[in-house]
Protein backbone atom coordinates (compact mmCIF):
# COMPACT_ATOMS: atom_id res chain seq x y z
CA MET A 1 0.01 0.01 0.05
CA ALA A 2 1.37 3.45 -0.92
CA GLY A 3 2.26 5.85 1.88
CA THR A 4 -0.31 8.33 0.66
CA ASP A 5 -3.08 5.61 0.61
CA ALA A 6 -2.12 4.56 4.10
CA SER A 7 -2.50 8.15 5.38
CA ILE A 8 -5.84 8.44 3.60
CA TYR A 9 -7.00 5.19 5.25
CA ARG A 10 -5.91 6.50 8.71
CA GLN A 11 -7.80 9.76 8.24
CA PHE A 12 -10.90 7.89 7.05
CA GLU A 13 -10.81 5.56 9.97
CA GLU A 14 -10.28 8.37 12.42
CA ALA A 15 -13.13 10.49 10.96
CA VAL A 16 -15.54 7.46 11.25
CA ARG A 17 -14.45 6.78 14.85
CA ARG A 18 -14.95 10.40 15.80
CA GLY A 19 -18.39 10.63 14.12
CA ARG A 20 -17.30 13.13 11.45
CA LEU A 21 -19.09 13.05 8.00
CA VAL A 22 -16.52 11.81 5.34
CA ALA A 23 -16.38 9.93 2.11
CA MET A 24 -13.85 7.81 0.32
CA ALA A 25 -13.78 7.77 -3.53
CA THR A 26 -12.28 4.66 -5.15
CA ALA A 27 -11.46 3.94 -8.83
CA LEU A 28 -13.02 0.51 -9.53
CA THR A 29 -12.03 0.24 -13.11
CA GLY A 30 -9.52 1.89 -15.56
CA PRO A 31 -5.74 2.36 -15.54
CA THR A 32 -5.70 3.79 -12.00
CA ILE A 33 -7.87 1.04 -10.43
CA GLY A 34 -7.69 1.09 -6.64
CA ALA A 35 -6.73 4.81 -6.45
CA LYS A 36 -8.40 6.63 -3.58
CA MET A 37 -9.43 10.13 -2.68
CA LEU A 38 -10.68 11.36 0.64
CA LEU A 39 -13.57 13.82 0.41
CA TRP A 40 -14.81 16.23 3.15
CA PRO A 41 -18.09 18.31 3.39
CA GLY A 42 -17.46 21.85 2.04
CA GLY A 43 -15.19 20.68 -0.86
CA GLY A 44 -12.00 19.60 0.85
CA SER A 45 -10.19 16.52 -0.37
CA GLU A 46 -6.92 14.61 -0.05
CA GLY A 47 -5.26 12.17 -2.42
CA SER A 48 -5.98 11.62 -6.18
CA LEU A 49 -7.87 9.08 -8.26
CA GLY A 50 -5.03 9.36 -10.71
CA GLU A 51 -6.50 11.63 -13.35
CA PRO A 52 -7.80 15.18 -13.15
CA THR A 53 -11.13 14.23 -14.83
CA LEU A 54 -11.83 11.66 -12.17
CA ASP A 55 -10.82 13.92 -9.34
CA ALA A 56 -13.01 16.71 -10.59
CA ALA A 57 -15.99 14.27 -10.97
CA ALA A 58 -15.64 12.88 -7.51
CA ARG A 59 -15.53 16.43 -6.02
CA GLU A 60 -18.55 17.54 -7.89
CA ARG A 61 -20.53 14.46 -6.89
CA ALA A 62 -19.46 14.74 -3.24
CA ALA A 63 -21.85 17.58 -2.48
CA GLN A 64 -24.74 15.43 -3.55
CA VAL A 65 -23.80 12.33 -1.73
CA PHE A 66 -23.11 14.39 1.36
CA ALA A 67 -26.56 15.88 1.10
CA SER A 68 -28.23 12.42 0.72
CA LEU A 69 -25.87 10.64 3.15
CA ARG A 70 -25.85 7.76 0.79
CA SER A 71 -23.00 5.95 -0.96
CA GLU A 72 -23.02 5.94 -4.74
CA ARG A 73 -21.49 4.29 -7.74
CA LEU A 74 -20.98 6.40 -10.85
CA THR A 75 -19.52 6.21 -14.24
CA VAL A 76 -17.12 9.01 -15.50
CA GLU A 77 -16.16 9.35 -19.12
CA THR A 78 -12.51 10.01 -19.70
CA ALA A 79 -10.21 10.32 -22.71
CA GLY A 80 -9.26 6.63 -22.18
CA GLY A 81 -12.88 5.45 -21.78
CA PRO A 82 -15.42 5.09 -19.05
CA VAL A 83 -14.26 4.59 -15.40
CA GLU A 84 -16.37 3.30 -12.53
CA LEU A 85 -16.06 5.18 -9.23
CA PHE A 86 -17.40 4.31 -5.80
CA LEU A 87 -18.09 7.04 -3.24
CA ASP A 88 -18.31 5.48 0.12
CA VAL A 89 -20.15 7.90 2.52
CA GLN A 90 -19.77 7.41 6.17
CA PRO A 91 -22.25 9.66 7.99
CA PRO A 92 -22.00 10.09 11.67
CA PRO A 93 -24.80 8.47 13.90
CA PRO A 94 -27.94 10.44 13.64
CA ARG A 95 -28.59 12.87 16.63
CA LEU A 96 -32.01 14.09 17.51
CA TRP A 97 -31.91 17.50 19.34
CA ILE A 98 -35.14 18.16 21.10
CA VAL A 99 -35.66 21.72 22.23
CA GLY A 100 -38.24 21.71 24.89
CA ALA A 101 -38.71 19.15 27.70
CA VAL A 102 -42.44 18.90 27.16
CA HIS A 103 -44.71 15.72 27.03
CA ILE A 104 -44.22 15.22 23.39
CA ALA A 105 -40.55 15.14 23.92
CA ALA A 106 -40.64 12.18 26.30
CA ALA A 107 -42.48 10.00 23.66
CA LEU A 108 -40.18 11.37 20.89
CA VAL A 109 -37.19 10.04 22.85
CA THR A 110 -38.70 6.65 23.05
CA TYR A 111 -39.40 6.43 19.36
CA ALA A 112 -36.11 7.95 18.34
CA ARG A 113 -34.00 5.56 20.43
CA ALA A 114 -35.86 2.60 19.01
CA LEU A 115 -34.73 3.86 15.62
CA GLY A 116 -31.09 4.12 16.55
CA PHE A 117 -30.96 7.96 17.19
CA TYR A 118 -28.79 9.52 19.85
CA THR A 119 -31.31 11.81 21.75
CA ILE A 120 -30.43 15.06 23.44
CA VAL A 121 -33.19 17.13 25.18
CA VAL A 122 -32.34 20.77 25.72
CA ASP A 123 -34.38 23.15 27.87
CA PRO A 124 -33.17 25.84 30.32
CA ARG A 125 -36.31 25.47 32.44
CA THR A 126 -35.30 23.03 35.13
CA ALA A 127 -38.86 22.53 36.25
CA PHE A 128 -39.41 20.74 32.92
CA ALA A 129 -36.02 19.37 32.19
CA ALA A 130 -35.88 17.14 35.27
CA PRO A 131 -33.83 13.79 35.15
CA GLU A 132 -36.89 11.90 36.51
CA ARG A 133 -38.93 12.94 33.53
CA PHE A 134 -36.27 11.92 30.92
CA PRO A 135 -34.43 9.03 32.29
CA HIS A 136 -34.37 7.46 28.91
CA ALA A 137 -32.77 10.43 27.07
CA ASP A 138 -29.09 10.00 26.16
CA GLU A 139 -28.44 13.58 27.42
CA LEU A 140 -30.50 16.25 29.24
CA ILE A 141 -29.01 19.68 29.12
CA THR A 142 -30.55 22.51 31.12
CA ARG A 143 -29.07 25.45 29.22
CA TRP A 144 -30.25 27.78 26.38
CA PRO A 145 -30.29 25.70 23.23
CA ASP A 146 -28.84 28.41 20.98
CA ALA A 147 -25.74 28.59 23.18
CA VAL A 148 -25.37 24.79 23.17
CA PHE A 149 -25.78 24.70 19.39
CA ALA A 150 -23.12 27.39 19.00
CA GLU A 151 -20.64 25.28 21.12
CA VAL A 152 -21.34 21.91 19.50
CA GLY A 153 -21.86 22.85 15.90
CA LEU A 154 -24.82 21.00 14.28
CA ASP A 155 -23.61 18.73 11.35
CA GLU A 156 -25.35 16.95 8.52
CA SER A 157 -26.60 14.17 10.65
CA ALA A 158 -28.35 16.42 13.11
CA CYS A 159 -32.16 16.63 13.37
CA VAL A 160 -33.59 19.43 15.39
CA VAL A 161 -37.11 19.58 16.85
CA VAL A 162 -38.42 22.66 18.53
CA LEU A 163 -41.29 22.24 20.81
CA THR A 164 -41.48 24.90 23.61
CA HIS A 165 -43.86 27.47 22.15
CA ASP A 166 -41.71 30.07 24.01
CA GLU A 167 -40.26 32.57 21.46
CA LYS A 168 -37.35 33.39 23.66
CA ILE A 169 -36.17 29.69 23.56
CA ASP A 170 -37.45 28.61 20.16
CA ASN A 171 -36.44 31.41 17.83
CA PRO A 172 -32.76 31.79 18.77
CA ALA A 173 -32.51 27.99 18.50
CA LEU A 174 -34.06 27.81 15.18
CA ALA A 175 -31.82 30.66 13.89
CA MET A 176 -28.76 28.65 14.93
CA ALA A 177 -30.07 25.50 13.35
CA LEU A 178 -31.04 27.22 10.05
CA ARG A 179 -27.46 28.50 9.66
CA SER A 180 -26.21 24.93 10.02
CA PRO A 181 -26.26 21.98 7.61
CA ALA A 182 -28.75 20.11 9.96
CA ARG A 183 -30.57 17.37 8.16
CA TYR A 184 -34.07 18.15 9.57
CA ILE A 185 -35.51 21.08 11.30
CA GLY A 186 -39.01 21.13 12.52
CA ALA A 187 -41.10 23.41 14.85
CA LEU A 188 -44.33 22.84 16.65
CA GLY A 189 -47.24 25.20 16.02
CA SER A 190 -50.01 26.20 13.73
CA ARG A 191 -49.66 27.89 10.42
CA ARG A 192 -50.50 31.25 12.03
CA THR A 193 -47.95 30.67 14.74
CA HIS A 194 -45.37 29.77 12.03
CA ALA A 195 -46.04 32.96 10.09
CA LYS A 196 -45.32 35.02 13.24
CA ARG A 197 -42.26 32.92 13.79
CA ALA A 198 -41.07 33.45 10.22
CA ALA A 199 -41.40 37.25 10.69
CA ALA A 200 -39.32 37.04 13.92
CA LEU A 201 -36.67 34.96 12.21
CA LYS A 202 -36.37 37.48 9.38
CA ALA A 203 -35.84 40.12 12.07
CA LEU A 204 -32.94 38.02 13.24
CA GLY A 205 -31.36 38.10 9.85
CA LEU A 206 -32.58 34.87 8.33
CA GLU A 207 -33.56 34.69 4.67
CA ASP A 208 -36.63 33.28 3.08
CA ALA A 209 -34.76 30.23 1.75
CA GLN A 210 -33.37 29.44 5.14
CA ILE A 211 -36.74 29.83 6.86
CA ALA A 212 -38.37 27.51 4.27
CA ARG A 213 -36.21 24.70 5.62
CA ILE A 214 -38.44 24.54 8.69
CA HIS A 215 -41.03 21.73 8.68
CA ALA A 216 -44.09 23.43 10.04
CA PRO A 217 -46.72 22.36 11.00
CA ILE A 218 -44.30 19.72 12.17
CA GLY A 219 -44.87 16.00 11.45
CA LEU A 220 -46.66 13.95 8.86
CA ASP A 221 -50.43 14.53 8.70
CA ILE A 222 -51.79 11.45 10.37
CA GLY A 223 -54.54 13.21 12.36
CA ALA A 224 -52.32 13.22 15.50
CA ARG A 225 -53.90 14.68 18.71
CA ARG A 226 -52.34 13.06 21.75
CA PRO A 227 -48.65 13.78 22.60
CA GLU A 228 -47.62 10.23 21.74
CA GLU A 229 -49.39 10.52 18.36
CA ILE A 230 -47.75 13.92 17.61
CA ALA A 231 -44.37 12.42 18.53
CA LEU A 232 -45.08 9.47 16.12
CA ALA A 233 -45.86 12.02 13.34
CA ILE A 234 -42.69 13.84 13.99
CA MET A 235 -40.59 10.79 13.95
CA ALA A 236 -42.19 9.51 10.75
CA GLU A 237 -41.53 12.81 9.01
CA ILE A 238 -37.82 12.65 10.13
CA VAL A 239 -37.47 9.16 8.76
CA ALA A 240 -39.16 10.25 5.55
CA VAL A 241 -36.70 13.16 5.12
CA MET A 242 -33.65 11.03 5.85
CA ASN A 243 -34.90 8.43 3.34
CA GLY A 244 -35.49 11.01 0.69
CA LYS A 245 -39.24 10.68 0.62
CA VAL A 246 -39.92 14.21 1.90
CA GLU A 247 -37.73 17.22 1.24
């Protein structure tokens, strides 16, 4: 194995171990078969597939596979003929950030954990965010969520659900989430509430295209009424988004 490939493998392995989004491009056919290139979100890369045309194709396709979080095989036409590439995407484990330690949140944690999500409930109100109410959550944080988001940095595997109905908590949290590459962002409330929320977010400097990322009213329309049903509708929408069935 070449020294460069060994370095790329080490970086790839380290990124996966640390839960960082990364992809490895490999030439499956052609004169440079086996050549590898490490790809990062944002356009960064290391190594080469042995031909500028292949490198450019891998970088161009990387944005799409990072957005879908799915590995992909593609054919690239070169001067020497078609070459098959494989882009192996390794997303970090999905994390569900729940803003608001309300009744819906308790059921949402249960459903999310059953689906393999790491669950974090964030609420500065200690009367709500009590350990005895959320013993099943992976983390319970009694701080302002926008400050937490600013520290941790939401990545492409993050899903954010905002549930408090308190503008002082919800809107700054949404503003931080909308400026991140979070996979899913949803907020509880009626269409009228969301219209008011959108105006407040514009006042915070968000653009229409950013605000349009919010799923509101939150959840798939299954006629949900009880907290457990609303949580089920939210989780179903998150799964649909992650599987590419809903934008």
